[in-house]
Amino acid sequence: MLFYHGVSDPWFSALDTVNYYERMAADSGGMELVREKSSRAFLVPGMGHCSSGAALDRFDLLSAVVNWVEDGKAPDTVIATGPAFPGRARPLCAYPQHAQYKGQGDPESAASFECK
């Protein structure tokens, strides 16, 4: 199962989703086991409720879950783009990691970031 939540959601706090995810992981054998076997969560900086905002809110979680189920490749990252920042791409990192600039490369390219 893949979760996503906009960090700037004005109706529901992303912290509620993080809290739920952490409690679910604790009740299901721990974060490492859950991330390996069954679930990933992605927080989207700047995104409002389900989309929009000053955010990169276009990403493909359907292909990510299909690749995990059919090919056994759990998604560590999903690349996000969006009309709020034309030409920019960033990786959305599976919680609890976050995207960090590598210190070199095009700052508009997702390839210049890593999950830490």
N, C-alpha and C. Protein backbone atom coordinates (compact mmCIF):
# COMPACT_ATOMS: atom_id res chain seq x y z
N MET A 1 0.84 -1.16 0.00
CA MET A 1 0.00 0.00 0.00
C MET A 1 0.90 1.24 0.00
N LEU A 2 0.55 2.19 -0.82
CA LEU A 2 1.28 3.45 -0.87
C LEU A 2 0.39 4.57 -0.35
N PHE A 3 0.96 5.39 0.52
CA PHE A 3 0.30 6.58 1.04
C PHE A 3 0.99 7.80 0.44
N TYR A 4 0.25 8.88 0.30
CA TYR A 4 0.87 10.17 0.02
C TYR A 4 0.05 11.24 0.72
N HIS A 5 0.73 12.31 1.08
CA HIS A 5 0.04 13.40 1.76
C HIS A 5 0.77 14.70 1.48
N GLY A 6 0.02 15.72 1.13
CA GLY A 6 0.58 17.05 0.93
C GLY A 6 0.93 17.69 2.27
N VAL A 7 2.15 18.16 2.39
CA VAL A 7 2.60 18.76 3.64
C VAL A 7 1.86 20.06 3.94
N SER A 8 1.34 20.72 2.92
CA SER A 8 0.60 21.97 3.11
C SER A 8 -0.91 21.78 3.01
N ASP A 9 -1.38 20.58 3.27
CA ASP A 9 -2.82 20.30 3.26
C ASP A 9 -3.50 21.14 4.34
N PRO A 10 -4.45 22.03 3.95
CA PRO A 10 -5.08 22.89 4.95
C PRO A 10 -6.19 22.20 5.74
N TRP A 11 -6.63 21.02 5.35
CA TRP A 11 -7.72 20.34 6.02
C TRP A 11 -7.24 19.24 6.96
N PHE A 12 -6.26 18.47 6.52
CA PHE A 12 -5.77 17.36 7.34
C PHE A 12 -4.25 17.48 7.43
N SER A 13 -3.73 17.41 8.61
CA SER A 13 -2.30 17.55 8.81
C SER A 13 -1.56 16.32 8.30
N ALA A 14 -0.46 16.57 7.61
CA ALA A 14 0.41 15.46 7.19
C ALA A 14 0.94 14.72 8.41
N LEU A 15 1.03 15.41 9.54
CA LEU A 15 1.49 14.75 10.76
C LEU A 15 0.52 13.66 11.22
N ASP A 16 -0.78 13.82 10.91
CA ASP A 16 -1.74 12.77 11.22
C ASP A 16 -1.44 11.51 10.42
N THR A 17 -1.11 11.68 9.15
CA THR A 17 -0.77 10.53 8.31
C THR A 17 0.53 9.90 8.78
N VAL A 18 1.52 10.71 9.12
CA VAL A 18 2.78 10.19 9.63
C VAL A 18 2.54 9.41 10.93
N ASN A 19 1.72 9.97 11.81
CA ASN A 19 1.42 9.29 13.07
C ASN A 19 0.74 7.95 12.81
N TYR A 20 -0.25 7.94 11.91
CA TYR A 20 -0.93 6.69 11.56
C TYR A 20 0.06 5.68 10.99
N TYR A 21 0.91 6.13 10.08
CA TYR A 21 1.87 5.24 9.44
C TYR A 21 2.84 4.66 10.47
N GLU A 22 3.33 5.49 11.37
CA GLU A 22 4.26 5.01 12.39
C GLU A 22 3.59 4.02 13.35
N ARG A 23 2.34 4.30 13.74
CA ARG A 23 1.61 3.37 14.61
C ARG A 23 1.33 2.05 13.89
N MET A 24 0.94 2.14 12.62
CA MET A 24 0.70 0.94 11.83
C MET A 24 1.97 0.11 11.72
N ALA A 25 3.09 0.77 11.48
CA ALA A 25 4.37 0.06 11.38
C ALA A 25 4.74 -0.60 12.70
N ALA A 26 4.57 0.11 13.80
CA ALA A 26 4.89 -0.45 15.11
C ALA A 26 4.03 -1.67 15.41
N ASP A 27 2.77 -1.63 15.01
CA ASP A 27 1.85 -2.74 15.26
C ASP A 27 2.04 -3.88 14.26
N SER A 28 2.86 -3.67 13.23
CA SER A 28 3.02 -4.66 12.16
C SER A 28 4.45 -5.17 12.04
N GLY A 29 5.22 -5.08 13.11
CA GLY A 29 6.56 -5.64 13.08
C GLY A 29 7.69 -4.64 12.95
N GLY A 30 7.38 -3.37 12.90
CA GLY A 30 8.42 -2.34 12.82
C GLY A 30 8.52 -1.70 11.45
N MET A 31 9.12 -0.52 11.43
CA MET A 31 9.22 0.28 10.21
C MET A 31 9.98 -0.45 9.11
N GLU A 32 11.10 -1.06 9.45
CA GLU A 32 11.89 -1.73 8.40
C GLU A 32 11.11 -2.85 7.74
N LEU A 33 10.43 -3.66 8.52
CA LEU A 33 9.64 -4.77 7.96
C LEU A 33 8.50 -4.25 7.09
N VAL A 34 7.79 -3.24 7.58
CA VAL A 34 6.67 -2.68 6.82
C VAL A 34 7.17 -2.08 5.51
N ARG A 35 8.27 -1.31 5.57
CA ARG A 35 8.81 -0.71 4.34
C ARG A 35 9.28 -1.78 3.37
N GLU A 36 9.80 -2.87 3.88
CA GLU A 36 10.28 -3.94 3.00
C GLU A 36 9.15 -4.74 2.37
N LYS A 37 8.12 -5.02 3.15
CA LYS A 37 7.10 -5.97 2.73
C LYS A 37 5.77 -5.39 2.24
N SER A 38 5.35 -4.22 2.80
CA SER A 38 3.95 -3.91 2.54
C SER A 38 3.57 -2.46 2.30
N SER A 39 4.34 -1.49 2.74
CA SER A 39 3.82 -0.13 2.66
C SER A 39 4.93 0.90 2.60
N ARG A 40 4.65 1.98 1.89
CA ARG A 40 5.53 3.14 1.82
C ARG A 40 4.65 4.38 1.89
N ALA A 41 5.19 5.44 2.48
CA ALA A 41 4.49 6.72 2.56
C ALA A 41 5.35 7.80 1.92
N PHE A 42 4.72 8.71 1.21
CA PHE A 42 5.42 9.80 0.53
C PHE A 42 4.79 11.12 0.93
N LEU A 43 5.61 12.02 1.48
CA LEU A 43 5.15 13.36 1.82
C LEU A 43 5.54 14.30 0.68
N VAL A 44 4.60 15.17 0.31
CA VAL A 44 4.80 16.04 -0.84
C VAL A 44 4.91 17.49 -0.35
N PRO A 45 6.13 18.05 -0.34
CA PRO A 45 6.31 19.43 0.14
C PRO A 45 5.48 20.42 -0.65
N GLY A 46 4.81 21.33 0.06
CA GLY A 46 4.07 22.40 -0.58
C GLY A 46 2.71 22.02 -1.14
N MET A 47 2.39 20.74 -1.22
CA MET A 47 1.13 20.32 -1.83
C MET A 47 -0.02 20.46 -0.85
N GLY A 48 -1.16 20.92 -1.37
CA GLY A 48 -2.37 21.04 -0.59
C GLY A 48 -3.08 19.71 -0.46
N HIS A 49 -4.39 19.75 -0.40
CA HIS A 49 -5.21 18.55 -0.23
C HIS A 49 -5.34 17.80 -1.55
N CYS A 50 -4.60 16.74 -1.70
CA CYS A 50 -4.59 15.84 -2.87
C CYS A 50 -3.84 16.39 -4.08
N SER A 51 -3.72 17.70 -4.22
CA SER A 51 -2.96 18.29 -5.32
C SER A 51 -2.91 19.79 -5.09
N SER A 52 -2.31 20.48 -6.02
CA SER A 52 -2.23 21.94 -6.07
C SER A 52 -1.31 22.54 -5.02
N GLY A 53 -1.20 23.85 -5.09
CA GLY A 53 -0.32 24.59 -4.19
C GLY A 53 1.03 24.84 -4.85
N ALA A 54 1.92 25.44 -4.09
CA ALA A 54 3.28 25.70 -4.57
C ALA A 54 4.06 24.41 -4.42
N ALA A 55 3.78 23.48 -5.33
CA ALA A 55 4.29 22.13 -5.17
C ALA A 55 4.56 21.45 -6.50
N LEU A 56 5.30 20.38 -6.41
CA LEU A 56 5.45 19.44 -7.52
C LEU A 56 4.46 18.32 -7.23
N ASP A 57 3.27 18.45 -7.80
CA ASP A 57 2.16 17.58 -7.43
C ASP A 57 1.74 16.60 -8.52
N ARG A 58 2.62 16.35 -9.46
CA ARG A 58 2.34 15.37 -10.52
C ARG A 58 3.34 14.22 -10.37
N PHE A 59 2.84 13.04 -10.02
CA PHE A 59 3.69 11.86 -9.82
C PHE A 59 2.85 10.61 -10.03
N ASP A 60 3.51 9.51 -10.30
CA ASP A 60 2.83 8.28 -10.70
C ASP A 60 3.01 7.18 -9.65
N LEU A 61 2.11 7.14 -8.68
CA LEU A 61 2.17 6.09 -7.66
C LEU A 61 1.56 4.78 -8.15
N LEU A 62 0.71 4.85 -9.18
CA LEU A 62 0.12 3.61 -9.71
C LEU A 62 1.20 2.72 -10.29
N SER A 63 2.06 3.27 -11.13
CA SER A 63 3.15 2.47 -11.70
C SER A 63 4.08 1.97 -10.59
N ALA A 64 4.29 2.79 -9.57
CA ALA A 64 5.16 2.39 -8.46
C ALA A 64 4.61 1.17 -7.74
N VAL A 65 3.31 1.17 -7.46
CA VAL A 65 2.73 0.02 -6.75
C VAL A 65 2.65 -1.21 -7.67
N VAL A 66 2.38 -1.01 -8.95
CA VAL A 66 2.37 -2.13 -9.89
C VAL A 66 3.77 -2.76 -9.98
N ASN A 67 4.80 -1.94 -10.07
CA ASN A 67 6.17 -2.48 -10.13
C ASN A 67 6.52 -3.23 -8.85
N TRP A 68 6.01 -2.78 -7.72
CA TRP A 68 6.29 -3.46 -6.46
C TRP A 68 5.59 -4.81 -6.43
N VAL A 69 4.31 -4.83 -6.79
CA VAL A 69 3.53 -6.06 -6.74
C VAL A 69 3.99 -7.06 -7.80
N GLU A 70 4.17 -6.60 -9.02
CA GLU A 70 4.46 -7.52 -10.12
C GLU A 70 5.94 -7.85 -10.27
N ASP A 71 6.84 -6.91 -9.90
CA ASP A 71 8.27 -7.11 -10.11
C ASP A 71 9.08 -7.15 -8.83
N GLY A 72 8.42 -6.94 -7.68
CA GLY A 72 9.12 -6.97 -6.41
C GLY A 72 10.03 -5.78 -6.15
N LYS A 73 9.84 -4.68 -6.89
CA LYS A 73 10.69 -3.49 -6.73
C LYS A 73 9.94 -2.43 -5.92
N ALA A 74 10.22 -2.39 -4.62
CA ALA A 74 9.57 -1.40 -3.75
C ALA A 74 10.05 -0.01 -4.11
N PRO A 75 9.15 0.97 -4.16
CA PRO A 75 9.54 2.32 -4.56
C PRO A 75 10.22 3.09 -3.42
N ASP A 76 11.50 3.41 -3.60
CA ASP A 76 12.19 4.27 -2.65
C ASP A 76 11.96 5.73 -3.00
N THR A 77 11.79 5.99 -4.30
CA THR A 77 11.53 7.35 -4.77
C THR A 77 10.48 7.32 -5.87
N VAL A 78 9.81 8.45 -6.00
CA VAL A 78 8.88 8.69 -7.09
C VAL A 78 9.20 10.10 -7.57
N ILE A 79 9.36 10.28 -8.85
CA ILE A 79 9.72 11.60 -9.38
C ILE A 79 8.47 12.46 -9.52
N ALA A 80 8.56 13.68 -9.00
CA ALA A 80 7.45 14.62 -9.03
C ALA A 80 7.80 15.84 -9.88
N THR A 81 6.83 16.30 -10.63
CA THR A 81 6.91 17.53 -11.41
C THR A 81 5.61 18.29 -11.15
N GLY A 82 5.45 19.44 -11.78
CA GLY A 82 4.18 20.14 -11.64
C GLY A 82 4.19 21.51 -12.26
N PRO A 83 3.00 22.01 -12.57
CA PRO A 83 2.88 23.29 -13.25
C PRO A 83 3.32 24.48 -12.38
N ALA A 84 3.38 24.33 -11.08
CA ALA A 84 3.80 25.45 -10.23
C ALA A 84 5.27 25.81 -10.44
N PHE A 85 6.06 24.81 -10.89
CA PHE A 85 7.50 25.02 -11.12
C PHE A 85 7.90 24.34 -12.43
N PRO A 86 7.57 24.94 -13.57
CA PRO A 86 7.89 24.32 -14.87
C PRO A 86 9.39 24.04 -14.98
N GLY A 87 9.71 22.85 -15.48
CA GLY A 87 11.10 22.47 -15.69
C GLY A 87 11.79 21.89 -14.47
N ARG A 88 11.10 21.84 -13.34
CA ARG A 88 11.71 21.32 -12.12
C ARG A 88 11.20 19.91 -11.86
N ALA A 89 12.07 19.05 -11.36
CA ALA A 89 11.70 17.70 -10.94
C ALA A 89 12.43 17.39 -9.64
N ARG A 90 11.75 16.68 -8.77
CA ARG A 90 12.33 16.28 -7.49
C ARG A 90 11.91 14.86 -7.18
N PRO A 91 12.76 14.14 -6.46
CA PRO A 91 12.30 12.84 -5.97
C PRO A 91 11.45 13.02 -4.72
N LEU A 92 10.35 12.31 -4.67
CA LEU A 92 9.63 12.15 -3.41
C LEU A 92 10.22 10.90 -2.79
N CYS A 93 10.68 11.00 -1.57
CA CYS A 93 11.36 9.89 -0.91
C CYS A 93 10.40 9.16 0.02
N ALA A 94 10.54 7.85 0.08
CA ALA A 94 9.73 7.06 1.00
C ALA A 94 10.06 7.45 2.44
N TYR A 95 9.04 7.76 3.20
CA TYR A 95 9.20 8.14 4.60
C TYR A 95 9.93 7.04 5.35
N PRO A 96 10.86 7.39 6.21
CA PRO A 96 11.15 8.68 6.82
C PRO A 96 12.23 9.49 6.11
N GLN A 97 12.63 9.09 4.92
CA GLN A 97 13.66 9.84 4.21
C GLN A 97 13.08 11.09 3.56
N HIS A 98 13.97 11.99 3.16
CA HIS A 98 13.59 13.21 2.45
C HIS A 98 14.65 13.53 1.41
N ALA A 99 14.28 14.29 0.40
CA ALA A 99 15.20 14.65 -0.69
C ALA A 99 16.20 15.70 -0.20
N GLN A 100 17.46 15.47 -0.53
CA GLN A 100 18.52 16.41 -0.18
C GLN A 100 19.40 16.62 -1.40
N TYR A 101 19.71 17.88 -1.67
CA TYR A 101 20.57 18.24 -2.80
C TYR A 101 21.96 17.64 -2.57
N LYS A 102 22.54 17.04 -3.61
CA LYS A 102 23.85 16.40 -3.50
C LYS A 102 25.00 17.40 -3.42
N GLY A 103 24.72 18.66 -3.73
CA GLY A 103 25.76 19.68 -3.69
C GLY A 103 26.37 19.97 -5.03
N GLN A 104 25.94 19.25 -6.04
CA GLN A 104 26.41 19.50 -7.40
C GLN A 104 25.34 19.04 -8.38
N GLY A 105 25.43 19.55 -9.58
CA GLY A 105 24.45 19.20 -10.60
C GLY A 105 23.34 20.24 -10.69
N ASP A 106 22.52 20.09 -11.69
CA ASP A 106 21.41 21.00 -11.97
C ASP A 106 20.41 20.97 -10.82
N PRO A 107 20.19 22.07 -10.13
CA PRO A 107 19.25 22.07 -9.02
C PRO A 107 17.79 21.91 -9.44
N GLU A 108 17.51 21.95 -10.73
CA GLU A 108 16.15 21.71 -11.22
C GLU A 108 15.92 20.24 -11.56
N SER A 109 16.96 19.41 -11.51
CA SER A 109 16.88 18.00 -11.90
C SER A 109 16.77 17.09 -10.69
N ALA A 110 15.87 16.13 -10.77
CA ALA A 110 15.73 15.15 -9.70
C ALA A 110 17.02 14.35 -9.50
N ALA A 111 17.80 14.17 -10.55
CA ALA A 111 19.05 13.41 -10.46
C ALA A 111 20.08 14.09 -9.55
N SER A 112 19.90 15.36 -9.24
CA SER A 112 20.83 16.09 -8.38
C SER A 112 20.46 15.96 -6.88
N PHE A 113 19.49 15.13 -6.59
CA PHE A 113 19.02 14.94 -5.22
C PHE A 113 19.11 13.46 -4.84
N GLU A 114 19.25 13.22 -3.55
CA GLU A 114 19.24 11.86 -3.04
C GLU A 114 18.37 11.80 -1.80
N CYS A 115 17.89 10.62 -1.51
CA CYS A 115 17.06 10.42 -0.33
C CYS A 115 17.94 10.09 0.87
N LYS A 116 17.75 10.81 1.93
CA LYS A 116 18.51 10.59 3.17
C LYS A 116 17.57 10.51 4.35
